[in-house]
Amino acid sequence: MKKLTVCLTVLLMAVMMFAVPVTAEETAPMFTEWNPDAPALKALTEYVEDVTDEASPNHIPQTDRIAVFDMDGTLVGELFPTYLEVILLTNRILKDPAYQPDAEMLEFGRMTRDHALDKSFPPDYDYEFSYHQAKAFAGMTLTEYADYITRLLVREADGFEGMTYASAYYLPMVEVVEYLQDHGFKCYVVSGTDRFIVRTFMEGVADIPYENIIGSDTALAARNQGDTDGIEYVFTGDDTLVRTDHLIIKDLKTNKVIQIAQEIGRQPVLSFGNSSGDASMNNYTLLNNRYRSAAFMLVADDDVRDYGNPAKHDELTEKWQGMGYHVISMRDDWKTIYGENVKKTGVFHWLEDYAEDRIPADAPGNDDKE
């Protein structure tokens, strides 16, 4: 036994002598896109170090390390000049030759176009949007819908140079997702955007699987199902799933909480959002939680690299901090937003891109099949 101990000691010393030294690059900090003195970053890393430490009284078992993220304005841009799904629907209504909108749909598309730049949508716009979205894409298979989304994603993002819609994600927030995953957190996207848009967009952005993506939902049906209820219809090899015109849920505010409870089944311990539509999700994370938890709100206050509003920084910071949230300032906390090669042009082509003289499909005498 003594001889074996001596041999093991010699072997260990040899390994230590010839071990490759760790380079500075290999120990580089995880957060290369953040300013190192950002208060929100400090709060996040201190939190994670605490709850992942098995010796800490705040330790959270890995099965309960649930982090939820909004998408638009939290993980990806929403100011080119509006949300990705709004651009998608506007294109469908006003520019797609394969789709013939009726008068009511055309009116909605034009209203969206005319109010997108100054964000002056009517109070009930969020629900009305998803209602019209369901109608406009009804009949598409899931593959056709994903292909339609992808064709938009490869376009140059309006108001920017060097960036497509597909690459319009916040690099610092991608680092947050990767950091949390490296520390045993399961990350979910909980978005007001249509679930299948989120799934398609998030591919290649962050390693978040389809089953971890929650969004607004439109009912699906088998292509040959007709009016037969799904509980009666038997899916066959000749069927494929198609989108219907029935909106199931708009995933905003308390609906986010309900969806989290139904689909995840665990109370989150970390939440990230950027607007009042995310406040319920943040509160659900913070309040009555058996674990130490934290919530973060992004403030779009950078008008140099993006189209944020610096004038709202103080107001929103005070509001969100008053609700117990940590505030992430895009202007002050991030070294970059989309990458150093991406430039804000200061000019939108939105109105000219979606100028049109379409005739409603239900207009008297309209026989245009395009």
Foldseek 3Di string as FASTA:
>chain_A
DVVVVVVVVVVVVVCVVPPDDDDCVNVPDLQPFWDPPFPVVVVVVVVLVQQLDPPHPQHDPLLQAEEEEEPDPWWFDAPLDGRLVLVLLLCLDQPDLQFFAFPVLNVLSVVSLVCSNVVPDDPVVLVVVLLSVLVSFFPAFLVRVLVSLVVQQQDCRFQKPPHGNLLRTFVSVLSVQVVSVVSSYQYAYQYLDELSSCQSSCVVRHPHHSLRYHYWDFDKDWNPCPPPDPVPDDDDPVTGITGHSGTDDRRFAVNSVVCCCVRVVHQHQEYEEADNRCLNNQCSNCPPDPHHHAYEHEAQQDVFAGNGNVVCVVVVCVVQVVSVHHYHYPVRTTNHTSDPVMGGPVDGCSCVVRDHDRDHPPPPPDPDSD
